[in-house]
Protein backbone atom coordinates (compact mmCIF):
# COMPACT_ATOMS: atom_id res chain seq x y z
CA MET A 1 -34.13 39.55 6.68
CA GLY A 2 -33.42 36.87 9.28
CA THR A 3 -30.05 35.57 10.37
CA ALA A 4 -30.52 32.33 8.47
CA GLU A 5 -30.82 34.30 5.23
CA ARG A 6 -27.69 36.39 5.80
CA GLN A 7 -24.46 35.35 4.30
CA GLU A 8 -20.96 36.71 4.09
CA ALA A 9 -19.73 37.67 0.63
CA PRO A 10 -16.30 36.17 -0.07
CA GLU A 11 -14.75 39.39 -1.49
CA SER A 12 -15.79 41.92 1.10
CA GLY A 13 -16.54 41.19 4.70
CA VAL A 14 -20.05 42.58 4.31
CA LYS A 15 -23.18 40.60 5.10
CA THR A 16 -25.57 40.43 2.17
CA ALA A 17 -28.76 38.68 1.27
CA GLY A 18 -28.80 36.49 -1.82
CA SER A 19 -25.04 36.54 -2.41
CA THR A 20 -23.65 35.32 -5.72
CA ALA A 21 -20.88 33.27 -4.09
CA PRO A 22 -19.82 30.25 -6.14
CA LEU A 23 -21.41 26.93 -5.32
CA ARG A 24 -19.48 24.41 -3.30
CA ARG A 25 -17.69 21.69 -5.22
CA GLU A 26 -19.97 18.85 -4.11
CA ALA A 27 -23.02 20.89 -5.11
CA ARG A 28 -21.62 21.18 -8.62
CA LEU A 29 -20.72 17.49 -8.69
CA HIS A 30 -24.13 16.21 -7.66
CA ASP A 31 -26.25 18.51 -9.87
CA ILE A 32 -27.79 20.36 -6.95
CA PRO A 33 -29.65 23.42 -8.24
CA ALA A 34 -28.06 26.81 -7.63
CA GLY A 35 -29.14 28.71 -4.55
CA SER A 36 -29.81 25.67 -2.37
CA ASP A 37 -27.65 24.49 0.48
CA LYS A 38 -27.97 20.84 1.43
CA ARG A 39 -27.61 21.43 5.15
CA ASN A 40 -30.07 24.16 6.04
CA GLY A 41 -31.87 25.29 2.90
CA ARG A 42 -30.22 28.71 2.64
CA GLY A 43 -28.38 30.17 -0.35
CA ALA A 44 -25.01 28.95 -1.63
CA ALA A 45 -22.32 28.74 1.03
CA ARG A 46 -18.74 29.98 0.86
CA GLU A 47 -16.36 28.09 -1.42
CA GLU A 48 -14.76 25.27 0.57
CA PRO A 49 -11.69 23.47 -0.69
CA TYR A 50 -12.37 19.93 -1.86
CA GLN A 51 -11.02 17.37 0.59
CA PRO A 52 -11.33 13.66 -0.14
CA LEU A 53 -12.80 11.45 2.55
CA TRP A 54 -9.65 9.34 2.70
CA VAL A 55 -6.22 9.24 1.16
CA GLU A 56 -5.00 6.05 -0.49
CA GLU A 57 -1.81 4.79 1.06
CA PRO A 58 0.30 1.98 -0.31
CA ALA A 59 -0.13 -1.28 1.57
CA ARG A 60 2.62 -2.08 4.01
CA ARG A 61 2.26 -5.80 3.46
CA ARG A 62 1.21 -7.69 0.39
CA ARG A 63 -2.21 -9.30 0.34
CA LEU A 64 -2.40 -12.98 1.25
CA PRO A 65 -2.82 -15.37 -1.68
CA ASP A 66 -6.40 -16.54 -2.23
CA PRO A 67 -6.01 -20.15 -1.00
CA VAL A 68 -4.25 -18.99 2.16
CA ARG A 69 -6.82 -16.28 2.80
CA ASN A 70 -9.67 -18.78 2.28
CA SER A 71 -8.20 -21.22 4.79
CA ALA A 72 -7.53 -18.37 7.26
CA VAL A 73 -11.14 -17.18 7.06
CA ARG A 74 -12.36 -20.74 7.48
CA ALA A 75 -10.10 -21.19 10.51
CA VAL A 76 -11.29 -17.96 12.13
CA LEU A 77 -14.94 -18.98 11.71
CA ILE A 78 -14.31 -22.46 13.13
CA ILE A 79 -12.36 -21.05 16.08
CA ALA A 80 -15.13 -18.53 16.78
CA VAL A 81 -17.76 -21.30 16.81
CA THR A 82 -15.51 -23.39 19.08
CA LEU A 83 -15.14 -20.54 21.57
CA LEU A 84 -18.90 -20.00 21.49
CA GLN A 85 -19.51 -23.70 22.16
CA ALA A 86 -17.02 -23.69 25.02
CA MET A 87 -18.73 -20.67 26.58
CA VAL A 88 -22.16 -22.28 26.26
CA ALA A 89 -20.82 -25.52 27.74
CA PHE A 90 -19.34 -23.61 30.68
CA LEU A 91 -22.57 -21.70 31.31
CA CYS A 92 -24.65 -24.88 31.01
CA THR A 93 -22.35 -26.56 33.52
CA LEU A 94 -22.76 -23.66 35.96
CA ALA A 95 -26.52 -23.75 35.50
CA GLY A 96 -26.63 -27.51 35.97
CA SER A 97 -28.45 -28.01 32.67
CA TRP A 98 -28.80 -31.40 30.99
CA LEU A 99 -27.23 -29.76 27.90
CA ALA A 100 -23.86 -29.39 29.66
CA PHE A 101 -22.51 -32.86 28.87
CA PRO A 102 -23.34 -32.83 25.12
CA MET A 103 -21.92 -29.30 24.84
CA VAL A 104 -18.67 -30.33 26.56
CA LEU A 105 -18.32 -33.27 24.17
CA SER A 106 -19.00 -31.10 21.14
CA SER A 107 -16.55 -28.48 22.45
CA VAL A 108 -13.81 -31.10 22.69
CA ALA A 109 -14.52 -32.28 19.13
CA SER A 110 -14.70 -28.71 17.94
CA THR A 111 -11.33 -27.95 19.54
CA VAL A 112 -9.78 -30.74 17.50
CA VAL A 113 -11.36 -29.35 14.34
CA ALA A 114 -10.18 -25.82 15.20
CA THR A 115 -6.63 -27.06 15.72
CA TRP A 116 -6.82 -28.80 12.36
CA ALA A 117 -8.08 -25.59 10.73
CA ALA A 118 -5.21 -23.57 12.21
CA LEU A 119 -2.73 -26.16 10.94
CA ASP A 120 -4.45 -26.03 7.55
CA VAL A 121 -3.65 -22.31 7.30
CA TRP A 122 0.00 -22.99 8.04
CA VAL A 123 0.23 -25.92 5.60
CA THR A 124 -1.61 -24.03 2.85
CA ARG A 125 0.76 -21.10 3.27
CA GLN A 126 3.81 -23.35 3.11
CA VAL A 127 2.51 -25.15 0.00
CA TRP A 128 1.69 -21.88 -1.73
CA ASN A 129 5.14 -20.48 -0.95
CA GLN A 130 6.73 -23.65 -2.27
CA ARG A 131 4.75 -23.60 -5.52
CA HIS A 132 4.57 -19.87 -6.18
CA GLY A 133 7.32 -18.62 -3.93
CA VAL A 134 9.82 -15.92 -4.62
CA VAL A 135 11.69 -16.56 -7.81
CA SER A 136 15.27 -15.87 -6.89
CA THR A 137 17.12 -13.74 -9.36
CA PRO A 138 20.87 -14.21 -9.28
CA SER A 139 22.97 -11.25 -8.32
CA SER A 140 25.19 -9.56 -10.87
CA THR A 141 28.33 -11.23 -9.41
CA ALA A 142 26.80 -14.70 -9.75
CA ARG A 143 25.77 -13.87 -13.30
CA ALA A 144 29.28 -12.68 -14.15
CA LEU A 145 30.87 -15.83 -12.68
CA ARG A 146 28.50 -18.03 -14.67
CA ARG A 147 29.31 -16.08 -17.82
CA GLU A 148 33.05 -16.57 -17.23
CA ARG A 149 32.59 -20.32 -16.66
CA ARG A 150 30.58 -20.66 -19.88
CA LYS A 151 33.24 -18.76 -21.79
CA ALA A 152 35.98 -21.00 -20.37
CA ARG A 153 33.99 -24.16 -21.28
CA ARG A 154 33.40 -22.82 -24.79
CA GLN A 155 37.11 -22.12 -25.26
CA ALA A 156 37.99 -25.59 -23.95
CA ARG A 157 35.55 -27.20 -26.44
CA VAL A 158 37.00 -25.15 -29.31
CA ALA A 159 40.56 -26.15 -28.32
CA GLU A 160 39.52 -29.81 -28.06
CA ARG A 161 37.90 -29.72 -31.51
CA THR A 162 41.02 -28.25 -33.09
CA GLN A 163 43.21 -30.93 -31.46
CA GLU A 164 40.82 -33.64 -32.70
CA ARG A 165 40.91 -32.18 -36.21
CA ILE A 166 44.73 -32.20 -36.20
CA ARG A 167 44.77 -35.86 -35.06
CA ARG A 168 42.31 -36.89 -37.80
CA GLN A 169 44.35 -35.24 -40.50
CA GLY A 170 47.28 -37.44 -39.44
CA GLY A 171 49.79 -34.69 -39.18
CA THR A 172 49.31 -33.32 -42.70
CA GLY A 173 49.85 -29.67 -43.01
CA ARG A 174 52.94 -29.70 -40.85
CA LEU A 175 56.05 -28.04 -42.15
CA SER A 176 58.47 -30.70 -41.04
CA HIS A 177 58.09 -34.51 -40.81
CA SER A 178 60.89 -35.14 -38.38
């Protein structure tokens, strides 16, 4: 029996051949036949605790809205192309190539477009915040003050209606006419 065939039994510390140790979790998950180890072809390995590849963590910041993210991606691509053009223009100038002048002109135009794209991200973000921004919810004190004002207005309207009713009746219902 070679060393590759030996295995440690989980219960005892004794080396055995053809141990009946339980299959690893991923072997059971992926329908791998019993008695085969994926790594080196030997029998089933010791039971290893299942550990996920990564742990989900809550995002620290919320995701950008779609229109803002689209304009940001567009701006990054345009800025990358602009930097590439500027680098090519610089290298063409150093090399003394005929392509240097057209590349410098296109780099200047591309810089204007890149500036516009960066401003587009800012404007799109501002517009999105204005249209879909945070809906402010009034605090409990503001709500209570508003409730008190409504109650006072309601009482004033009721008092005004009763005074109007008394005036329309022309004083009837009074106990004395003096």
